[in-house]
Amino acid sequence: MVTIHLNGTAYQVDENSEESLMAQLKAQGAEIIAACNGAGICQTCAVRVKSDGPAPMGELTPMNETEELMSLPDGQRLSCQCNAKTDCDLELMY
């Protein structure tokens, strides 16, 4: 289990889960908008890693094809398409 701080609240997620980061956070009560229900097309579940390490995006699983096609702004990820690999501090974009 890893700890995710999302907008100041701590959540525990399973880094080995097949469930997305968004699904795991929502199951614990996190209020994440997901207009497309996790299909990866609306960007309303976008998060940004706030950590200041040398490779903060390394705290999340690699981008998948869906995210790459979305041309997200630098530093943003779709929480419906990734999972956490290590503890991290995230900020919801919407």
N, C-alpha and C. Protein backbone atom coordinates (compact mmCIF):
# COMPACT_ATOMS: atom_id res chain seq x y z
N MET A 1 0.85 -1.19 0.00
CA MET A 1 0.00 0.00 0.00
C MET A 1 0.89 1.25 0.00
N VAL A 2 0.41 2.26 -0.73
CA VAL A 2 1.10 3.54 -0.74
C VAL A 2 0.13 4.62 -0.28
N THR A 3 0.68 5.72 0.20
CA THR A 3 -0.13 6.82 0.69
C THR A 3 -0.19 7.92 -0.37
N ILE A 4 -1.40 8.33 -0.68
CA ILE A 4 -1.63 9.42 -1.62
C ILE A 4 -2.23 10.57 -0.84
N HIS A 5 -1.61 11.72 -0.92
CA HIS A 5 -2.19 12.93 -0.35
C HIS A 5 -2.84 13.67 -1.51
N LEU A 6 -4.16 13.78 -1.48
CA LEU A 6 -4.91 14.42 -2.54
C LEU A 6 -5.61 15.64 -1.96
N ASN A 7 -5.15 16.80 -2.39
CA ASN A 7 -5.72 18.05 -1.90
C ASN A 7 -5.79 18.09 -0.37
N GLY A 8 -4.74 17.58 0.28
CA GLY A 8 -4.63 17.66 1.72
C GLY A 8 -5.20 16.49 2.51
N THR A 9 -5.83 15.53 1.86
CA THR A 9 -6.38 14.37 2.55
C THR A 9 -5.56 13.14 2.18
N ALA A 10 -5.26 12.29 3.17
CA ALA A 10 -4.46 11.09 2.93
C ALA A 10 -5.36 9.90 2.62
N TYR A 11 -4.95 9.13 1.61
CA TYR A 11 -5.65 7.91 1.20
C TYR A 11 -4.62 6.81 1.04
N GLN A 12 -5.04 5.57 1.25
CA GLN A 12 -4.18 4.40 1.03
C GLN A 12 -4.65 3.70 -0.23
N VAL A 13 -3.72 3.48 -1.18
CA VAL A 13 -4.07 2.76 -2.40
C VAL A 13 -3.10 1.61 -2.61
N ASP A 14 -3.57 0.61 -3.31
CA ASP A 14 -2.77 -0.57 -3.60
C ASP A 14 -2.02 -0.35 -4.91
N GLU A 15 -0.72 -0.24 -4.83
CA GLU A 15 0.09 0.03 -6.03
C GLU A 15 0.09 -1.14 -7.00
N ASN A 16 -0.35 -2.31 -6.57
CA ASN A 16 -0.40 -3.48 -7.44
C ASN A 16 -1.81 -3.78 -7.96
N SER A 17 -2.75 -2.93 -7.64
CA SER A 17 -4.14 -3.16 -8.03
C SER A 17 -4.34 -2.94 -9.53
N GLU A 18 -5.29 -3.68 -10.08
CA GLU A 18 -5.70 -3.47 -11.47
C GLU A 18 -6.64 -2.27 -11.57
N GLU A 19 -7.18 -1.83 -10.45
CA GLU A 19 -8.05 -0.66 -10.43
C GLU A 19 -7.23 0.60 -10.61
N SER A 20 -7.81 1.58 -11.28
CA SER A 20 -7.12 2.85 -11.48
C SER A 20 -6.98 3.60 -10.17
N LEU A 21 -6.10 4.56 -10.18
CA LEU A 21 -5.93 5.44 -9.03
C LEU A 21 -7.26 6.12 -8.71
N MET A 22 -7.95 6.61 -9.73
CA MET A 22 -9.23 7.28 -9.52
C MET A 22 -10.23 6.35 -8.84
N ALA A 23 -10.36 5.13 -9.31
CA ALA A 23 -11.32 4.18 -8.74
C ALA A 23 -11.00 3.92 -7.27
N GLN A 24 -9.74 3.75 -6.96
CA GLN A 24 -9.35 3.47 -5.57
C GLN A 24 -9.62 4.67 -4.67
N LEU A 25 -9.34 5.87 -5.17
CA LEU A 25 -9.57 7.07 -4.37
C LEU A 25 -11.06 7.33 -4.18
N LYS A 26 -11.85 7.17 -5.24
CA LYS A 26 -13.29 7.38 -5.14
C LYS A 26 -13.93 6.37 -4.18
N ALA A 27 -13.42 5.14 -4.14
CA ALA A 27 -13.94 4.13 -3.23
C ALA A 27 -13.74 4.53 -1.77
N GLN A 28 -12.80 5.44 -1.53
CA GLN A 28 -12.54 5.91 -0.17
C GLN A 28 -13.16 7.29 0.08
N GLY A 29 -13.99 7.74 -0.85
CA GLY A 29 -14.72 8.98 -0.64
C GLY A 29 -14.13 10.21 -1.29
N ALA A 30 -13.05 10.10 -2.04
CA ALA A 30 -12.49 11.27 -2.72
C ALA A 30 -13.47 11.77 -3.76
N GLU A 31 -13.63 13.08 -3.80
CA GLU A 31 -14.55 13.68 -4.77
C GLU A 31 -13.79 14.02 -6.04
N ILE A 32 -13.84 13.10 -7.00
CA ILE A 32 -13.17 13.28 -8.28
C ILE A 32 -14.23 13.27 -9.36
N ILE A 33 -14.24 14.32 -10.16
CA ILE A 33 -15.18 14.39 -11.27
C ILE A 33 -14.68 13.42 -12.35
N ALA A 34 -15.58 12.69 -12.92
CA ALA A 34 -15.23 11.76 -14.00
C ALA A 34 -16.38 11.77 -15.00
N ALA A 35 -16.45 12.83 -15.79
CA ALA A 35 -17.57 13.00 -16.72
C ALA A 35 -17.68 11.85 -17.71
N CYS A 36 -16.55 11.22 -18.06
CA CYS A 36 -16.57 10.12 -19.03
C CYS A 36 -16.60 8.76 -18.34
N ASN A 37 -16.72 8.74 -17.01
CA ASN A 37 -16.77 7.50 -16.22
C ASN A 37 -15.50 6.66 -16.32
N GLY A 38 -14.37 7.32 -16.49
CA GLY A 38 -13.09 6.61 -16.51
C GLY A 38 -12.63 6.13 -17.87
N ALA A 39 -13.26 6.61 -18.94
CA ALA A 39 -12.87 6.21 -20.29
C ALA A 39 -11.59 6.92 -20.76
N GLY A 40 -11.19 7.97 -20.06
CA GLY A 40 -9.96 8.67 -20.40
C GLY A 40 -10.11 9.68 -21.52
N ILE A 41 -11.31 10.23 -21.70
CA ILE A 41 -11.49 11.17 -22.80
C ILE A 41 -11.91 12.58 -22.38
N CYS A 42 -12.27 12.78 -21.13
CA CYS A 42 -12.78 14.10 -20.73
C CYS A 42 -11.76 14.95 -19.98
N GLN A 43 -10.79 14.36 -19.39
CA GLN A 43 -9.73 15.02 -18.62
C GLN A 43 -10.21 15.64 -17.31
N THR A 44 -11.44 15.37 -16.88
CA THR A 44 -11.93 15.97 -15.64
C THR A 44 -11.35 15.31 -14.39
N CYS A 45 -10.66 14.19 -14.55
CA CYS A 45 -10.03 13.52 -13.40
C CYS A 45 -8.53 13.81 -13.35
N ALA A 46 -8.09 14.79 -14.13
CA ALA A 46 -6.65 15.09 -14.22
C ALA A 46 -6.07 15.48 -12.86
N VAL A 47 -4.88 14.98 -12.60
CA VAL A 47 -4.14 15.31 -11.38
C VAL A 47 -2.73 15.77 -11.77
N ARG A 48 -2.11 16.45 -10.85
CA ARG A 48 -0.72 16.87 -11.01
C ARG A 48 0.05 16.44 -9.78
N VAL A 49 1.23 15.85 -9.99
CA VAL A 49 2.08 15.45 -8.87
C VAL A 49 2.76 16.71 -8.33
N LYS A 50 2.62 16.95 -7.03
CA LYS A 50 3.18 18.15 -6.41
C LYS A 50 4.58 17.93 -5.85
N SER A 51 5.06 16.68 -5.80
CA SER A 51 6.36 16.38 -5.23
C SER A 51 7.48 17.09 -5.98
N ASP A 52 8.55 17.38 -5.27
CA ASP A 52 9.67 18.12 -5.84
C ASP A 52 10.88 17.25 -6.14
N GLY A 53 10.72 15.95 -6.28
CA GLY A 53 11.85 15.07 -6.56
C GLY A 53 12.38 15.27 -7.97
N PRO A 54 13.49 14.60 -8.31
CA PRO A 54 14.08 14.76 -9.63
C PRO A 54 13.20 14.23 -10.75
N ALA A 55 12.35 13.26 -10.47
CA ALA A 55 11.44 12.71 -11.48
C ALA A 55 10.09 12.43 -10.84
N PRO A 56 9.34 13.50 -10.46
CA PRO A 56 8.11 13.30 -9.72
C PRO A 56 7.08 12.45 -10.46
N MET A 57 7.06 12.47 -11.78
CA MET A 57 6.08 11.67 -12.51
C MET A 57 6.40 10.18 -12.40
N GLY A 58 7.62 9.85 -11.97
CA GLY A 58 7.99 8.46 -11.75
C GLY A 58 7.24 7.83 -10.60
N GLU A 59 6.50 8.63 -9.85
CA GLU A 59 5.70 8.12 -8.73
C GLU A 59 4.41 7.48 -9.21
N LEU A 60 4.08 7.67 -10.49
CA LEU A 60 2.90 7.07 -11.09
C LEU A 60 3.32 6.08 -12.17
N THR A 61 2.42 5.16 -12.51
CA THR A 61 2.72 4.21 -13.57
C THR A 61 2.93 4.97 -14.88
N PRO A 62 3.63 4.35 -15.83
CA PRO A 62 3.89 5.04 -17.11
C PRO A 62 2.59 5.38 -17.84
N MET A 63 2.65 6.44 -18.64
CA MET A 63 1.49 6.82 -19.44
C MET A 63 1.11 5.70 -20.39
N ASN A 64 -0.20 5.50 -20.53
CA ASN A 64 -0.67 4.50 -21.49
C ASN A 64 -1.03 5.22 -22.79
N GLU A 65 -1.47 4.46 -23.77
CA GLU A 65 -1.77 5.03 -25.09
C GLU A 65 -2.88 6.07 -25.01
N THR A 66 -3.88 5.83 -24.18
CA THR A 66 -4.99 6.78 -24.03
C THR A 66 -4.47 8.13 -23.57
N GLU A 67 -3.62 8.14 -22.55
CA GLU A 67 -3.09 9.40 -22.04
C GLU A 67 -2.20 10.08 -23.08
N GLU A 68 -1.39 9.31 -23.77
CA GLU A 68 -0.51 9.89 -24.78
C GLU A 68 -1.30 10.57 -25.89
N LEU A 69 -2.43 10.00 -26.26
CA LEU A 69 -3.27 10.59 -27.30
C LEU A 69 -3.94 11.89 -26.85
N MET A 70 -4.09 12.08 -25.54
CA MET A 70 -4.78 13.26 -25.01
C MET A 70 -3.93 14.52 -25.03
N SER A 71 -2.64 14.41 -25.20
CA SER A 71 -1.74 15.57 -25.21
C SER A 71 -1.96 16.44 -23.97
N LEU A 72 -1.84 15.83 -22.82
CA LEU A 72 -2.03 16.54 -21.55
C LEU A 72 -0.94 17.58 -21.33
N PRO A 73 -1.27 18.65 -20.61
CA PRO A 73 -0.24 19.62 -20.25
C PRO A 73 0.85 18.93 -19.43
N ASP A 74 2.06 19.47 -19.50
CA ASP A 74 3.18 18.91 -18.74
C ASP A 74 2.82 18.76 -17.27
N GLY A 75 3.16 17.61 -16.72
CA GLY A 75 2.96 17.35 -15.31
C GLY A 75 1.58 16.82 -14.95
N GLN A 76 0.67 16.75 -15.91
CA GLN A 76 -0.67 16.26 -15.60
C GLN A 76 -0.84 14.82 -16.05
N ARG A 77 -1.67 14.10 -15.30
CA ARG A 77 -2.01 12.71 -15.62
C ARG A 77 -3.50 12.52 -15.43
N LEU A 78 -4.06 11.51 -16.08
CA LEU A 78 -5.46 11.15 -15.87
C LEU A 78 -5.51 10.10 -14.77
N SER A 79 -6.17 10.41 -13.67
CA SER A 79 -6.21 9.46 -12.56
C SER A 79 -6.98 8.20 -12.91
N CYS A 80 -7.80 8.25 -13.96
CA CYS A 80 -8.54 7.06 -14.39
C CYS A 80 -7.69 6.11 -15.22
N GLN A 81 -6.49 6.55 -15.60
CA GLN A 81 -5.65 5.75 -16.48
C GLN A 81 -4.32 5.35 -15.85
N CYS A 82 -4.10 5.71 -14.60
CA CYS A 82 -2.81 5.39 -13.97
C CYS A 82 -3.03 4.87 -12.56
N ASN A 83 -1.92 4.48 -11.94
CA ASN A 83 -1.93 4.09 -10.54
C ASN A 83 -0.64 4.64 -9.92
N ALA A 84 -0.60 4.70 -8.63
CA ALA A 84 0.60 5.18 -7.93
C ALA A 84 1.58 4.04 -7.73
N LYS A 85 2.87 4.35 -7.84
CA LYS A 85 3.91 3.37 -7.55
C LYS A 85 4.53 3.62 -6.18
N THR A 86 4.52 4.87 -5.75
CA THR A 86 5.09 5.25 -4.46
C THR A 86 4.19 6.31 -3.80
N ASP A 87 4.48 6.62 -2.55
CA ASP A 87 3.76 7.70 -1.87
C ASP A 87 3.91 8.97 -2.69
N CYS A 88 2.84 9.75 -2.79
CA CYS A 88 2.96 11.03 -3.49
C CYS A 88 1.87 12.00 -3.08
N ASP A 89 2.10 13.24 -3.41
CA ASP A 89 1.21 14.35 -3.10
C ASP A 89 0.61 14.82 -4.42
N LEU A 90 -0.70 14.70 -4.57
CA LEU A 90 -1.37 15.05 -5.82
C LEU A 90 -2.33 16.22 -5.63
N GLU A 91 -2.56 16.91 -6.71
CA GLU A 91 -3.53 18.00 -6.74
C GLU A 91 -4.50 17.74 -7.88
N LEU A 92 -5.80 17.81 -7.60
CA LEU A 92 -6.81 17.69 -8.65
C LEU A 92 -6.79 18.96 -9.48
N MET A 93 -6.89 18.82 -10.79
CA MET A 93 -6.87 19.99 -11.65
C MET A 93 -8.25 20.59 -11.85
N TYR A 94 -9.32 19.79 -11.67
CA TYR A 94 -10.69 20.29 -11.89
C TYR A 94 -11.56 20.01 -10.69
